[in-house]
């Protein structure tokens, strides 16, 4: 809940919220778990500065920092029949993606 609140506060633009919705998924990097935030942005907005601002807010709350922020379309987030995010499927997808990135960066 702290992450969602921090992202919403970090995503405040001059006239309205920048972030329409978000979800946090855990992914492994170098034998440690880090948080990746997937955000759906309102039309015409970018991710510039949102991650740094959210981490600043989380740091002040003594919460773990976010490793990465990615803008996504909501259709790419798997949801069940009740509309809840299927976190297990997200973890599996991002675990595979981070493993691929690690192989390609060597």
Protein backbone atom coordinates (compact mmCIF):
# COMPACT_ATOMS: atom_id res chain seq x y z
CA UNK A 1 0.00 0.00 0.00
CA UNK A 2 2.89 2.36 0.70
CA UNK A 3 4.22 1.85 -2.83
CA UNK A 4 0.89 2.68 -4.45
CA UNK A 5 0.51 5.79 -2.31
CA UNK A 6 4.08 6.89 -3.03
CA UNK A 7 3.58 6.39 -6.76
CA UNK A 8 0.35 8.31 -6.76
CA UNK A 9 2.01 11.21 -4.89
CA UNK A 10 5.06 11.05 -7.17
CA UNK A 11 2.88 11.04 -10.27
CA UNK A 12 1.06 14.27 -9.54
CA UNK A 13 1.25 16.62 -12.50
CA UNK A 14 0.44 20.31 -12.49
CA UNK A 15 -3.25 19.72 -13.13
CA UNK A 16 -3.99 16.00 -12.54
CA UNK A 17 -2.50 12.63 -11.71
CA UNK A 18 -0.04 11.23 -14.22
CA UNK A 19 -0.55 7.59 -13.19
CA UNK A 20 -3.86 5.94 -14.01
CA UNK A 21 -3.04 2.62 -12.28
CA UNK A 22 -0.03 0.63 -11.10
CA UNK A 23 1.09 -2.80 -9.92
CA UNK A 24 4.31 -3.87 -8.20
CA UNK A 25 5.97 -7.18 -9.08
CA UNK A 26 8.99 -8.82 -7.45
CA UNK A 27 11.79 -9.98 -9.74
CA UNK A 28 15.22 -11.47 -9.02
CA UNK A 29 18.48 -9.75 -9.96
CA UNK A 30 21.91 -10.96 -8.94
CA UNK A 31 20.49 -13.29 -6.28
CA UNK A 32 18.30 -10.64 -4.65
CA UNK A 33 14.66 -9.69 -5.05
CA UNK A 34 13.82 -6.21 -6.31
CA UNK A 35 10.55 -4.45 -7.01
CA UNK A 36 9.54 -3.49 -10.53
CA UNK A 37 6.62 -1.12 -10.89
CA UNK A 38 4.36 -1.37 -13.90
CA UNK A 39 2.38 1.83 -14.45
CA UNK A 40 -0.38 2.75 -16.81
CA UNK A 41 0.03 6.45 -17.52
CA UNK A 42 -2.67 8.90 -18.40
CA UNK A 43 -2.63 10.04 -21.99
CA UNK A 44 0.13 12.49 -22.82
CA UNK A 45 2.29 11.79 -19.74
CA UNK A 46 5.73 10.19 -19.42
CA UNK A 47 7.66 8.46 -16.67
CA UNK A 48 10.27 11.21 -16.24
CA UNK A 49 11.12 11.66 -12.56
CA UNK A 50 8.39 9.38 -11.19
CA UNK A 51 10.76 6.61 -10.03
CA UNK A 52 13.12 9.04 -8.29
CA UNK A 53 10.25 10.86 -6.59
CA UNK A 54 8.56 7.60 -5.50
CA UNK A 55 11.87 6.32 -4.05
CA UNK A 56 12.32 9.61 -2.22
CA UNK A 57 8.89 9.19 -0.63
CA UNK A 58 9.49 5.49 0.19
CA UNK A 59 12.88 6.29 1.70
CA UNK A 60 11.23 8.78 4.03
CA UNK A 61 8.83 6.02 5.12
CA UNK A 62 11.71 3.54 5.71
CA UNK A 63 10.36 1.26 2.97
CA UNK A 64 12.38 -0.68 0.36
CA UNK A 65 13.16 1.28 -2.79
CA UNK A 66 11.87 0.41 -6.25
CA UNK A 67 14.38 -0.95 -8.76
CA UNK A 68 12.63 -0.05 -11.98
CA UNK A 69 9.54 1.62 -13.39
CA UNK A 70 8.03 0.52 -16.70
CA UNK A 71 5.12 2.09 -18.56
CA UNK A 72 2.73 -0.60 -19.81
CA UNK A 73 -0.71 -0.94 -21.33
CA UNK A 74 -3.25 -2.32 -18.88
CA UNK A 75 -4.09 -5.14 -21.32
CA UNK A 76 -0.60 -6.56 -20.70
CA UNK A 77 -1.34 -7.09 -16.99
CA UNK A 78 -2.86 -10.55 -16.41
CA UNK A 79 -6.08 -10.46 -14.38
CA UNK A 80 -8.40 -13.19 -13.21
CA UNK A 81 -12.16 -13.43 -13.68
CA UNK A 82 -12.71 -11.28 -10.59
CA UNK A 83 -10.46 -8.51 -11.94
CA UNK A 84 -7.62 -9.13 -9.49
CA UNK A 85 -4.05 -9.01 -10.78
CA UNK A 86 -2.49 -12.47 -11.16
CA UNK A 87 0.76 -11.72 -9.31
CA UNK A 88 2.15 -15.23 -9.77
CA UNK A 89 1.95 -14.91 -13.56
CA UNK A 90 3.60 -11.48 -13.38
CA UNK A 91 6.44 -12.83 -11.20
CA UNK A 92 7.00 -15.71 -13.63
CA UNK A 93 7.02 -13.38 -16.64
CA UNK A 94 9.41 -10.87 -15.07
CA UNK A 95 11.67 -13.57 -13.62
CA UNK A 96 12.11 -14.89 -17.16
CA UNK A 97 12.60 -11.37 -18.57
CA UNK A 98 15.27 -10.43 -16.01
CA UNK A 99 17.06 -13.74 -16.60
CA UNK A 100 17.12 -12.98 -20.34
CA UNK A 101 18.45 -9.46 -19.68
CA UNK A 102 21.21 -10.86 -17.46
CA UNK A 103 22.28 -13.31 -20.21
CA UNK A 104 22.28 -10.59 -22.89
CA UNK A 105 24.25 -8.13 -20.74
CA UNK A 106 27.18 -10.53 -20.22
